[in-house]
N, C-alpha and C. Protein backbone atom coordinates (compact mmCIF):
# COMPACT_ATOMS: atom_id res chain seq x y z
N UNK A 1 13.43 12.49 3.73
CA UNK A 1 13.62 11.42 5.07
C UNK A 1 12.46 11.06 4.65
N UNK A 2 11.29 12.14 4.17
CA UNK A 2 9.58 11.44 4.51
C UNK A 2 9.75 10.51 3.59
N UNK A 3 10.33 10.86 2.05
CA UNK A 3 10.37 9.60 1.57
C UNK A 3 10.74 8.53 1.72
N UNK A 4 11.78 8.51 2.20
CA UNK A 4 12.52 6.57 2.92
C UNK A 4 11.33 6.45 3.63
N UNK A 5 10.36 6.71 4.61
CA UNK A 5 9.20 6.39 5.23
C UNK A 5 8.22 5.85 4.37
N UNK A 6 7.63 6.92 3.25
CA UNK A 6 6.89 6.58 2.74
C UNK A 6 6.82 5.47 2.10
N UNK A 7 8.23 5.57 1.09
CA UNK A 7 8.53 4.02 0.37
C UNK A 7 8.34 2.80 1.18
N UNK A 8 9.15 2.72 2.47
CA UNK A 8 9.32 1.83 3.27
C UNK A 8 7.64 1.08 3.84
N UNK A 9 6.90 2.00 3.76
CA UNK A 9 5.20 1.60 4.06
C UNK A 9 4.91 1.36 3.29
N UNK A 10 4.67 1.82 1.84
CA UNK A 10 4.50 1.13 0.67
C UNK A 10 4.98 -0.18 0.15
N UNK A 11 6.14 -0.68 0.33
CA UNK A 11 6.54 -1.49 0.08
C UNK A 11 6.09 -2.44 1.00
N UNK A 12 5.97 -2.64 2.51
CA UNK A 12 5.49 -3.17 3.47
C UNK A 12 3.92 -3.55 3.33
N UNK A 13 3.09 -2.25 2.69
CA UNK A 13 1.56 -3.02 2.11
C UNK A 13 1.62 -3.88 0.57
N UNK A 14 2.25 -3.44 -0.03
CA UNK A 14 2.05 -3.99 -0.99
C UNK A 14 2.91 -5.80 -0.93
N UNK A 15 3.57 -6.35 -0.07
CA UNK A 15 4.45 -7.27 0.77
C UNK A 15 3.21 -8.09 1.26
N UNK A 16 2.22 -7.46 2.38
CA UNK A 16 1.69 -7.68 3.12
C UNK A 16 0.09 -8.33 2.33
N UNK A 17 -0.19 -7.95 0.84
CA UNK A 17 -1.02 -7.46 0.32
C UNK A 17 -1.01 -8.67 -0.78
N UNK A 18 0.05 -9.80 -0.55
CA UNK A 18 0.43 -11.14 -1.37
C UNK A 18 -0.53 -12.02 -0.81
N UNK A 19 -1.27 -13.45 -1.31
CA UNK A 19 -1.55 -14.35 -0.28
C UNK A 19 -0.78 -15.33 -0.14
N UNK A 20 0.31 -14.94 0.03
CA UNK A 20 1.32 -15.97 0.49
C UNK A 20 1.38 -16.87 1.38
N UNK A 21 0.57 -16.84 2.32
CA UNK A 21 0.62 -17.65 3.24
C UNK A 21 -0.96 -18.40 2.98
N UNK A 22 -1.74 -19.54 4.08
CA UNK A 22 -2.32 -20.02 3.76
C UNK A 22 -3.46 -19.50 4.32
N UNK A 23 -3.67 -19.04 5.39
CA UNK A 23 -4.25 -18.29 6.43
C UNK A 23 -5.19 -16.85 5.37
N UNK A 24 -4.26 -16.31 4.84
CA UNK A 24 -4.61 -15.04 3.95
C UNK A 24 -5.25 -15.30 2.73
N UNK A 25 -5.59 -17.33 2.39
CA UNK A 25 -6.60 -16.88 0.65
C UNK A 25 -8.04 -16.60 0.99
N UNK A 26 -8.76 -16.86 2.05
CA UNK A 26 -9.67 -16.35 2.22
C UNK A 26 -9.81 -14.69 2.18
N UNK A 27 -8.76 -13.83 2.12
CA UNK A 27 -9.15 -12.25 2.27
C UNK A 27 -10.05 -11.54 1.16
N UNK A 28 -9.39 -12.51 -0.37
CA UNK A 28 -10.30 -11.86 -1.41
C UNK A 28 -9.37 -10.82 -1.63
N UNK A 29 -9.78 -9.94 -2.37
CA UNK A 29 -9.18 -8.63 -2.81
C UNK A 29 -9.56 -7.37 -1.73
N UNK A 30 -9.13 -7.51 -0.72
CA UNK A 30 -9.43 -6.49 0.73
C UNK A 30 -7.98 -6.09 0.95
N UNK A 31 -6.85 -6.59 0.84
CA UNK A 31 -5.51 -6.29 1.25
C UNK A 31 -4.62 -5.68 -0.01
N UNK A 32 -5.14 -6.29 -1.48
CA UNK A 32 -4.57 -5.28 -2.32
C UNK A 32 -5.70 -3.76 -2.52
N UNK A 33 -6.80 -4.07 -2.26
CA UNK A 33 -7.61 -3.17 -2.60
C UNK A 33 -7.33 -1.67 -1.69
N UNK A 34 -7.16 -2.21 -0.45
CA UNK A 34 -6.39 -1.40 0.82
C UNK A 34 -5.07 -0.92 0.32
N UNK A 35 -4.14 -1.32 -0.19
CA UNK A 35 -2.99 -1.37 -0.95
C UNK A 35 -3.28 0.09 -2.28
N UNK A 36 -4.11 -0.49 -3.09
CA UNK A 36 -4.43 0.57 -3.80
C UNK A 36 -4.93 1.83 -3.84
N UNK A 37 -6.04 1.98 -2.92
CA UNK A 37 -6.59 3.06 -1.81
C UNK A 37 -5.53 4.08 -1.68
N UNK A 38 -4.58 3.55 -0.58
CA UNK A 38 -3.03 3.97 -0.24
C UNK A 38 -2.40 4.31 -1.04
N UNK A 39 -1.74 4.05 -2.54
CA UNK A 39 -1.36 4.21 -3.51
C UNK A 39 -2.09 5.48 -3.88
N UNK A 40 -3.57 5.46 -4.23
CA UNK A 40 -3.64 6.68 -5.07
C UNK A 40 -3.90 8.02 -4.16
N UNK A 41 -3.90 7.53 -3.08
CA UNK A 41 -3.97 8.96 -1.90
C UNK A 41 -2.68 9.47 -1.80
N UNK A 42 -1.81 8.34 -2.08
CA UNK A 42 -0.22 9.39 -2.20
C UNK A 42 -0.03 9.77 -3.54
N UNK A 43 -0.56 9.40 -4.40
CA UNK A 43 -0.06 9.90 -5.78
C UNK A 43 -0.79 10.95 -5.73
N UNK A 44 -1.97 10.90 -5.81
CA UNK A 44 -3.15 12.91 -5.48
C UNK A 44 -2.55 13.69 -4.47
N UNK A 45 -1.70 13.44 -3.31
CA UNK A 45 -0.61 14.22 -2.47
C UNK A 45 0.40 14.91 -3.32
N UNK A 46 1.07 13.96 -3.90
CA UNK A 46 2.03 14.12 -4.73
C UNK A 46 2.27 15.32 -5.76
N UNK A 47 0.87 15.15 -6.71
CA UNK A 47 0.55 16.19 -7.21
C UNK A 47 0.10 16.80 -7.18
N UNK A 48 -0.80 17.09 -5.86
CA UNK A 48 -1.38 18.27 -5.14
C UNK A 48 -0.13 19.64 -4.76
N UNK A 49 0.75 18.60 -4.09
CA UNK A 49 1.93 19.50 -4.03
C UNK A 49 2.14 19.40 -2.29
N UNK A 50 1.36 18.25 -1.78
CA UNK A 50 1.14 18.13 -0.32
C UNK A 50 2.58 17.74 -0.02
N UNK A 51 3.01 16.60 -0.12
CA UNK A 51 4.04 15.87 0.33
C UNK A 51 5.52 16.72 -0.81
């Protein structure tokens, strides 16, 4: 169950970081950097065995 929730959250973060909307053109690398940070934290937790 936790895997499904994490997968949905990661997919939503990745979709939200795409600059598809006109107002998101000036955001720069902040959304994709945040998504990368979340992915790195999840990978580290997977390797350590927390999740």
